Amino acid sequence: MQLGGNIELVGFEDIDGASMIVLKKIIGNYGRRLSELSDKFEKLSVTMKPIHETEKSSKYEIHAKLVNGGKPTVSEVVERNLFVAIDNALKKIVNEIS
C-alpha cells in the first residue's frame, strides 16, 4: 500500500478503516518531518509483522526503514498498542538522523 509518493505500508491489510485513518495521519506526519530532516529522502517503509497473540493480549511488531541518499536507517519495536508502536519506531529514526 502506498501512502504518498515515497511512503510504503506493508502488512496493514487486516487493520480496520478507522484505525487506518489514524495510522496514515501519524505516518504521513513523520514522513513529512523526515523529508525535512533528510537531505536526500528517498523512501520510508513501515512493515507490520504478524501479530503475536496470547490469551490475554496481543503485540504488534513494527519495522520502519528510511532510505536517505542510498543509506538505510532502520528501527524495530514490539508493543501492545499499535499506535504507540508506530510512533516509537518512527521516533527512533527521527532521533537517529537529527
Protein backbone atom coordinates (compact mmCIF):
# COMPACT_ATOMS: atom_id res chain seq x y z
CA MET A 1 0.00 0.00 0.00
CA GLN A 2 1.44 3.36 -0.99
CA LEU A 3 0.92 6.49 1.11
CA GLY A 4 2.03 9.46 -0.93
CA GLY A 5 4.82 9.07 -3.44
CA ASN A 6 7.57 7.63 -1.29
CA ILE A 7 5.91 6.06 1.77
CA GLU A 8 5.15 2.34 1.71
CA LEU A 9 2.97 0.40 4.17
CA VAL A 10 3.32 -3.39 4.31
CA GLY A 11 1.19 -5.85 6.31
CA PHE A 12 -1.63 -3.46 7.25
CA GLU A 13 -4.38 -5.23 5.25
CA ASP A 14 -6.26 -6.50 8.34
CA ILE A 15 -6.47 -3.14 10.13
CA ASP A 16 -9.96 -1.59 10.34
CA GLY A 17 -10.79 1.61 8.46
CA ALA A 18 -10.93 3.98 11.44
CA SER A 19 -7.56 2.81 12.77
CA MET A 20 -6.07 3.05 9.27
CA ILE A 21 -7.07 6.72 9.03
CA VAL A 22 -5.21 7.47 12.28
CA LEU A 23 -2.19 5.40 11.21
CA LYS A 24 -1.96 7.17 7.84
CA LYS A 25 -2.06 10.53 9.62
CA ILE A 26 0.71 9.54 12.09
CA ILE A 27 2.91 8.01 9.39
CA GLY A 28 2.27 10.89 6.98
CA ASN A 29 3.31 13.46 9.59
CA TYR A 30 6.52 11.54 10.32
CA GLY A 31 7.14 11.20 6.57
CA ARG A 32 6.91 14.97 6.16
CA ARG A 33 9.20 15.54 9.15
CA LEU A 34 11.75 13.01 7.89
CA SER A 35 11.79 14.58 4.43
CA GLU A 36 12.54 17.95 6.05
CA LEU A 37 15.35 16.47 8.20
CA SER A 38 16.85 14.32 5.43
CA ASP A 39 18.99 15.83 2.74
CA LYS A 40 18.26 13.04 0.23
CA PHE A 41 14.96 11.46 1.38
CA GLU A 42 14.16 8.55 -0.94
CA LYS A 43 11.71 6.21 0.76
CA LEU A 44 10.06 5.40 4.08
CA SER A 45 8.79 1.85 4.55
CA VAL A 46 6.72 0.72 7.56
CA THR A 47 6.07 -3.01 7.96
CA MET A 48 3.78 -4.69 10.46
CA LYS A 49 4.82 -8.27 11.13
CA PRO A 50 2.23 -10.89 12.08
CA ILE A 51 0.63 -10.13 15.42
CA HIS A 52 1.82 -12.16 18.41
CA GLU A 53 -1.31 -13.20 20.27
CA THR A 54 -1.73 -14.82 23.67
CA GLU A 55 -4.86 -15.44 25.70
CA LYS A 56 -4.77 -12.06 27.43
CA SER A 57 -3.13 -9.71 24.94
CA SER A 58 -1.58 -9.18 21.56
CA LYS A 59 1.62 -7.47 20.49
CA TYR A 60 2.45 -5.62 17.30
CA GLU A 61 5.89 -5.90 15.73
CA ILE A 62 6.74 -2.83 13.65
CA HIS A 63 9.76 -2.42 11.38
CA ALA A 64 10.47 1.03 9.95
CA LYS A 65 13.10 1.78 7.32
CA LEU A 66 14.18 5.12 5.92
CA VAL A 67 16.34 5.24 2.80
CA ASN A 68 18.23 8.52 2.76
CA GLY A 69 20.73 9.01 -0.04
CA GLY A 70 21.02 5.25 -0.54
CA LYS A 71 21.80 4.69 3.16
CA PRO A 72 19.15 2.79 5.18
CA THR A 73 18.20 3.70 8.74
CA VAL A 74 16.08 1.06 10.47
CA SER A 75 14.18 0.60 13.71
CA GLU A 76 12.17 -2.22 15.23
CA VAL A 77 9.57 -2.04 18.01
CA VAL A 78 7.32 -4.61 19.70
CA GLU A 79 4.45 -3.05 21.61
CA ARG A 80 0.94 -3.85 22.82
CA ASN A 81 -0.60 -0.69 21.35
CA LEU A 82 -0.32 -0.35 17.56
CA PHE A 83 -0.31 3.47 17.58
CA VAL A 84 2.41 3.60 20.24
CA ALA A 85 4.44 1.03 18.29
CA ILE A 86 4.29 3.10 15.08
CA ASP A 87 5.11 6.30 16.95
CA ASN A 88 8.08 4.75 18.79
CA ALA A 89 9.52 3.11 15.65
CA LEU A 90 9.39 6.34 13.64
CA LYS A 91 10.61 8.43 16.60
CA LYS A 92 13.74 6.24 16.76
CA ILE A 93 14.50 7.02 13.11
CA VAL A 94 13.96 10.76 13.65
CA ASN A 95 16.35 10.68 16.62
CA GLU A 96 18.99 8.81 14.61
CA ILE A 97 19.07 11.24 11.69
CA SER A 98 18.65 14.51 13.60
